[in-house]
Amino acid sequence: MKKFLIIISIIICFLIGIGVSGYIFIKRTTSDEAIKSRLLSALKDL
């Protein structure tokens, strides 16, 4: 029973970590500053 609880808690922590990192990544990519820097870097490449 203890192994089962440990495995489930590890899986839950893993899923929470993925959710938090995904949320931060999406928030960072959709922020205005990121969009502006992407546009500027695209113009510099041209």
Protein backbone atom coordinates (compact mmCIF):
# COMPACT_ATOMS: atom_id res chain seq x y z
CA MET A 1 0.00 0.00 0.00
CA LYS A 2 2.83 2.41 0.81
CA LYS A 3 4.51 1.82 -2.57
CA PHE A 4 1.20 2.54 -4.31
CA LEU A 5 0.79 5.86 -2.45
CA ILE A 6 4.40 6.86 -3.17
CA ILE A 7 4.01 6.11 -6.89
CA ILE A 8 0.74 8.07 -7.07
CA SER A 9 2.25 11.05 -5.23
CA ILE A 10 5.25 11.05 -7.61
CA ILE A 11 2.91 10.98 -10.63
CA ILE A 12 0.81 13.83 -9.20
CA CYS A 13 3.91 15.94 -8.50
CA PHE A 14 5.17 15.23 -12.03
CA LEU A 15 1.86 16.32 -13.57
CA ILE A 16 1.77 19.48 -11.45
CA GLY A 17 5.33 20.30 -12.53
CA ILE A 18 4.42 19.86 -16.20
CA GLY A 19 1.34 22.05 -15.74
CA VAL A 20 3.24 24.85 -14.02
CA SER A 21 6.11 24.85 -16.52
CA GLY A 22 3.66 24.75 -19.43
CA TYR A 23 1.70 27.66 -17.96
CA ILE A 24 4.87 29.73 -17.50
CA PHE A 25 6.02 28.88 -21.04
CA ILE A 26 2.67 29.86 -22.57
CA LYS A 27 2.51 33.06 -20.50
CA ARG A 28 6.04 34.00 -21.57
CA THR A 29 5.44 33.33 -25.28
CA THR A 30 2.16 35.26 -25.35
CA SER A 31 3.44 38.35 -23.52
CA ASP A 32 3.76 41.57 -25.52
CA GLU A 33 7.51 41.85 -24.95
CA ALA A 34 8.13 38.39 -26.36
CA ILE A 35 6.04 39.18 -29.44
CA LYS A 36 7.90 42.47 -29.97
CA SER A 37 11.30 40.82 -29.62
CA ARG A 38 10.27 38.08 -32.06
CA LEU A 39 9.15 40.66 -34.61
CA LEU A 40 12.38 42.61 -34.21
CA SER A 41 14.52 39.50 -34.57
CA ALA A 42 12.53 38.47 -37.66
CA LEU A 43 13.12 41.90 -39.20
CA LYS A 44 16.84 41.72 -38.37
CA ASP A 45 17.07 38.34 -40.12
CA LEU A 46 15.68 39.92 -43.29
